[in-house]
């Protein structure tokens, strides 16, 4: 199922790659949005192209994008982040990508994460497995935190959250830890290169495409408390084996933090 939709999402990624790479490392405008996050000419151009092509191919489908907001109301909607990792893009760092997802009846069924500057493309359709550059990928089998490679984003926000002590303990115990933010940390888990990815807050367009890729690769993605991922909430991605243990650790840290008396 969803083979034709995935094929079309890959076509969109091809077209987006031409636009984004035309801007990358060149001269382009960067401005600050109301929420203080940056947006470039590439973000706007890529999303405009994707919306136009979606309206032509699937006129009845809704579209939600980071730059253009919500269009249409349907049981099917496409979710788009034209440049995930805009700060990296603006700084000339290769870790950025275009994320395209299809949601049907509240379930993400197609996901593409295209990283042109890295030369990597991740994709999945529900029930068909996940791939990196058309080759099947699978999560790791690490079954202990001390054997795990943990990656993370926004460390200061993670440490300041109620679960901060749990994050600190996790990083100290892990076999290895590194800060690889944005979509790429989650894709490292999906392909088995890392075992855990933690982020304090993601928008729907940040995680939609990644969720189906991670799950089709055998992993899990939830909030820190184990609940379903939601717009503006925390995201924990693991190889599945470690998931329940890490949820429990973070929950314990949050309870302990809430129980501490306030400073006078």
Protein backbone atom coordinates (compact mmCIF):
# COMPACT_ATOMS: atom_id res chain seq x y z
CA UNK A 1 0.00 0.00 0.00
CA UNK A 2 0.92 3.66 -0.53
CA UNK A 3 3.52 2.81 -3.19
CA UNK A 4 2.25 5.51 -5.54
CA UNK A 5 2.19 8.14 -2.78
CA UNK A 6 5.73 7.22 -1.73
CA UNK A 7 6.90 7.40 -5.34
CA UNK A 8 5.38 10.87 -5.65
CA UNK A 9 6.99 11.98 -2.37
CA UNK A 10 10.34 10.87 -3.79
CA UNK A 11 9.67 12.93 -6.92
CA UNK A 12 8.97 15.93 -4.70
CA UNK A 13 12.25 15.29 -2.87
CA UNK A 14 14.11 15.28 -6.19
CA UNK A 15 12.63 18.64 -7.13
CA UNK A 16 13.24 20.05 -3.65
CA UNK A 17 16.88 18.95 -3.82
CA UNK A 18 17.46 20.97 -6.98
CA UNK A 19 16.07 24.10 -5.32
CA UNK A 20 17.77 23.73 -1.95
CA UNK A 21 21.19 22.83 -3.31
CA UNK A 22 20.94 25.84 -5.61
CA UNK A 23 20.84 28.02 -2.50
CA UNK A 24 23.16 26.07 -0.15
CA UNK A 25 26.52 27.75 0.43
CA UNK A 26 25.42 30.57 -1.82
CA UNK A 27 24.06 34.02 -1.08
CA UNK A 28 20.52 33.99 0.26
CA UNK A 29 18.32 35.96 2.62
CA UNK A 30 17.82 34.78 6.20
CA UNK A 31 15.17 36.43 8.32
CA UNK A 32 13.71 35.82 11.77
CA UNK A 33 10.13 34.66 12.19
CA UNK A 34 7.78 35.73 14.97
CA UNK A 35 8.81 32.68 17.04
CA UNK A 36 12.48 33.78 16.75
CA UNK A 37 13.42 30.86 14.50
CA UNK A 38 15.18 31.54 11.16
CA UNK A 39 13.72 31.09 7.69
CA UNK A 40 15.62 31.31 4.41
CA UNK A 41 14.65 31.85 0.79
CA UNK A 42 15.21 28.11 0.31
CA UNK A 43 12.58 27.22 2.95
CA UNK A 44 9.99 29.36 1.22
CA UNK A 45 10.83 28.26 -2.32
CA UNK A 46 10.88 24.54 -1.52
CA UNK A 47 7.58 24.58 0.33
CA UNK A 48 5.88 26.66 -2.38
CA UNK A 49 6.95 24.13 -5.02
CA UNK A 50 5.79 21.15 -2.95
CA UNK A 51 2.41 22.73 -2.24
CA UNK A 52 1.86 23.53 -5.91
CA UNK A 53 2.65 20.00 -7.02
CA UNK A 54 0.53 18.45 -4.27
CA UNK A 55 -2.45 20.58 -5.25
CA UNK A 56 -2.04 19.41 -8.85
CA UNK A 57 -1.67 15.70 -8.05
CA UNK A 58 -3.90 15.35 -4.98
CA UNK A 59 -6.26 18.36 -4.99
CA UNK A 60 -8.50 16.94 -2.26
CA UNK A 61 -5.67 16.30 0.22
CA UNK A 62 -4.85 18.75 2.97
CA UNK A 63 -1.37 20.21 3.42
CA UNK A 64 0.39 21.35 6.59
CA UNK A 65 3.77 23.02 6.25
CA UNK A 66 6.13 24.88 8.54
CA UNK A 67 6.12 28.03 6.45
CA UNK A 68 2.62 28.09 4.92
CA UNK A 69 0.51 26.64 7.71
CA UNK A 70 -2.63 24.54 7.17
CA UNK A 71 -4.54 24.25 3.91
CA UNK A 72 -7.63 22.12 3.48
CA UNK A 73 -9.43 19.66 5.74
CA UNK A 74 -9.28 16.00 4.79
CA UNK A 75 -8.70 12.53 6.20
CA UNK A 76 -5.48 12.69 4.21
CA UNK A 77 -2.93 15.43 4.68
CA UNK A 78 0.64 15.96 3.60
CA UNK A 79 3.02 17.34 6.22
CA UNK A 80 6.07 19.25 5.01
CA UNK A 81 9.22 20.71 6.52
CA UNK A 82 11.01 22.25 3.53
CA UNK A 83 14.36 22.67 5.31
CA UNK A 84 14.69 20.85 8.62
CA UNK A 85 17.84 22.23 10.24
CA UNK A 86 17.56 25.77 8.89
CA UNK A 87 20.27 27.06 11.23
CA UNK A 88 22.66 24.43 9.88
CA UNK A 89 21.66 25.33 6.33
CA UNK A 90 22.30 29.02 6.96
CA UNK A 91 25.68 28.26 8.58
CA UNK A 92 26.85 26.00 5.75
CA UNK A 93 26.61 22.79 7.81
CA UNK A 94 25.48 19.77 5.80
CA UNK A 95 23.04 18.34 8.37
CA UNK A 96 19.72 19.57 6.99
CA UNK A 97 17.00 18.00 4.92
CA UNK A 98 13.55 18.12 3.39
CA UNK A 99 10.88 16.14 5.25
CA UNK A 100 7.70 14.98 3.50
CA UNK A 101 5.01 12.86 5.15
CA UNK A 102 1.50 11.64 4.38
CA UNK A 103 -1.02 11.17 7.17
CA UNK A 104 -4.18 9.18 6.59
CA UNK A 105 -6.87 8.82 9.23
CA UNK A 106 -4.50 10.25 11.87
CA UNK A 107 -1.72 7.73 11.08
CA UNK A 108 1.53 8.61 9.32
CA UNK A 109 1.75 6.21 6.38
CA UNK A 110 4.53 7.67 4.19
CA UNK A 111 7.73 9.44 5.11
CA UNK A 112 10.73 10.79 3.20
CA UNK A 113 13.74 12.50 4.78
CA UNK A 114 16.04 13.74 2.05
CA UNK A 115 19.47 15.10 3.01
CA UNK A 116 21.02 16.45 -0.22
CA UNK A 117 24.25 17.83 1.27
CA UNK A 118 24.90 14.50 3.00
CA UNK A 119 23.93 12.47 -0.05
CA UNK A 120 21.41 10.45 1.96
CA UNK A 121 17.72 9.73 1.44
CA UNK A 122 15.59 7.87 3.97
CA UNK A 123 12.11 6.64 3.06
CA UNK A 124 9.30 4.41 4.26
CA UNK A 125 5.71 3.44 3.59
CA UNK A 126 3.61 1.80 6.27
CA UNK A 127 3.97 -1.97 6.06
CA UNK A 128 6.78 -1.87 3.49
CA UNK A 129 9.90 -1.32 5.61
CA UNK A 130 12.37 1.57 5.65
CA UNK A 131 15.30 2.33 3.37
CA UNK A 132 18.42 4.46 3.10
CA UNK A 133 19.24 5.15 -0.55
CA UNK A 134 16.92 2.28 -1.56
CA UNK A 135 18.67 -0.24 0.73
CA UNK A 136 16.74 -1.70 3.70
CA UNK A 137 17.67 -0.37 7.14
CA UNK A 138 17.10 -1.76 10.61
CA UNK A 139 17.59 -0.48 14.14
CA UNK A 140 20.31 -1.83 16.44
CA UNK A 141 20.00 -4.60 19.02
CA UNK A 142 21.66 -2.76 21.91
CA UNK A 143 19.91 -3.95 25.08
CA UNK A 144 21.72 -1.99 27.81
CA UNK A 145 22.22 1.73 28.25
CA UNK A 146 25.92 1.11 28.88
CA UNK A 147 26.08 -0.41 25.39
CA UNK A 148 24.12 2.41 23.78
CA UNK A 149 25.11 5.37 21.63
CA UNK A 150 22.86 8.24 22.69
CA UNK A 151 22.40 11.33 20.53
CA UNK A 152 20.54 14.48 21.47
CA UNK A 153 19.52 18.01 20.50
CA UNK A 154 19.24 21.26 22.48
CA UNK A 155 21.22 20.01 25.48
CA UNK A 156 20.62 23.12 27.58
CA UNK A 157 16.85 22.71 27.22
CA UNK A 158 17.09 19.01 28.03
CA UNK A 159 19.04 19.64 31.23
CA UNK A 160 16.73 22.43 32.37
CA UNK A 161 13.59 20.30 31.96
CA UNK A 162 12.06 18.30 34.86
CA UNK A 163 13.68 15.20 33.36
CA UNK A 164 17.12 16.86 33.35
CA UNK A 165 18.73 14.60 35.95
CA UNK A 166 17.50 11.56 34.05
CA UNK A 167 19.07 12.89 30.86
CA UNK A 168 22.34 13.57 32.66
CA UNK A 169 22.45 10.05 34.11
CA UNK A 170 21.61 8.57 30.71
CA UNK A 171 24.44 10.42 28.98
CA UNK A 172 26.93 9.52 31.71
CA UNK A 173 26.08 5.82 31.54
CA UNK A 174 25.91 5.49 27.77
CA UNK A 175 28.74 3.93 25.80
CA UNK A 176 28.93 7.09 23.73
CA UNK A 177 27.03 10.38 23.44
CA UNK A 178 27.02 13.14 20.85
CA UNK A 179 24.90 16.14 19.93
CA UNK A 180 23.40 15.42 16.49
CA UNK A 181 20.25 17.49 16.25
CA UNK A 182 17.35 17.74 13.86
CA UNK A 183 16.14 14.85 11.69
CA UNK A 184 19.56 13.19 11.39
CA UNK A 185 19.78 11.93 14.98
CA UNK A 186 16.51 10.04 14.54
CA UNK A 187 17.69 8.61 11.22
CA UNK A 188 20.92 7.41 12.86
CA UNK A 189 18.71 5.37 15.19
CA UNK A 190 16.59 4.08 12.31
CA UNK A 191 19.64 2.83 10.43
CA UNK A 192 21.25 1.26 13.51
CA UNK A 193 24.18 3.67 13.83
CA UNK A 194 22.86 5.09 17.12
CA UNK A 195 20.48 3.60 19.68
CA UNK A 196 18.69 6.56 21.31
CA UNK A 197 17.76 10.09 20.23
CA UNK A 198 16.24 12.64 22.63
CA UNK A 199 14.78 16.06 21.83
CA UNK A 200 12.97 18.40 24.24
CA UNK A 201 10.44 19.74 21.73
CA UNK A 202 9.44 19.12 18.12
CA UNK A 203 6.67 20.37 15.85
CA UNK A 204 4.49 18.01 13.83
CA UNK A 205 6.41 18.77 10.61
CA UNK A 206 9.67 17.96 12.42
CA UNK A 207 8.71 14.42 13.41
CA UNK A 208 5.95 13.22 11.03
CA UNK A 209 8.16 11.81 8.25
CA UNK A 210 10.66 10.47 10.77
CA UNK A 211 8.07 8.53 12.77
CA UNK A 212 7.10 6.10 10.03
CA UNK A 213 10.73 5.62 8.99
CA UNK A 214 11.80 4.82 12.55
CA UNK A 215 8.88 2.46 13.14
CA UNK A 216 9.28 0.65 9.82
CA UNK A 217 12.95 0.15 10.72
CA UNK A 218 11.86 -1.55 13.96
CA UNK A 219 12.24 1.36 16.37
CA UNK A 220 9.89 3.38 18.53
CA UNK A 221 9.09 7.09 18.82
CA UNK A 222 7.08 8.58 21.69
CA UNK A 223 7.10 11.49 24.09
CA UNK A 224 9.44 11.19 27.07
CA UNK A 225 6.52 9.86 29.13
CA UNK A 226 5.78 7.13 26.60
CA UNK A 227 2.68 8.78 25.17
CA UNK A 228 2.06 9.46 21.48
CA UNK A 229 4.16 12.24 19.96
CA UNK A 230 2.39 15.58 19.74
CA UNK A 231 3.08 19.00 18.31
CA UNK A 232 5.38 21.02 20.56
CA UNK A 233 6.18 18.13 22.92
CA UNK A 234 9.26 16.03 23.69
CA UNK A 235 10.39 13.18 21.42
CA UNK A 236 12.22 9.99 22.36
CA UNK A 237 13.37 7.71 19.55
CA UNK A 238 14.99 4.36 20.33
CA UNK A 239 15.75 0.98 18.84
CA UNK A 240 12.68 -0.30 20.69
CA UNK A 241 14.60 -2.61 23.01
CA UNK A 242 15.70 0.27 25.24
CA UNK A 243 12.52 2.31 25.04
CA UNK A 244 10.60 1.27 28.15
CA UNK A 245 13.69 1.48 30.35
CA UNK A 246 14.47 5.03 29.22
CA UNK A 247 10.85 6.15 29.62
CA UNK A 248 10.95 4.78 33.17
CA UNK A 249 14.23 6.57 33.93
CA UNK A 250 12.92 9.90 32.67
CA UNK A 251 9.64 9.48 34.54
CA UNK A 252 11.52 8.75 37.77
CA UNK A 253 13.66 11.85 37.28
CA UNK A 254 10.57 13.99 36.66
CA UNK A 255 8.88 12.69 39.82
CA UNK A 256 12.01 13.24 41.88
CA UNK A 257 12.35 16.77 40.55
CA UNK A 258 8.73 17.57 41.34
CA UNK A 259 9.18 16.26 44.89
CA UNK A 260 12.15 18.49 45.68
CA UNK A 261 11.26 21.41 47.96
CA UNK A 262 11.40 24.83 46.38
CA UNK A 263 14.36 26.99 47.31
CA UNK A 264 13.68 29.71 49.84
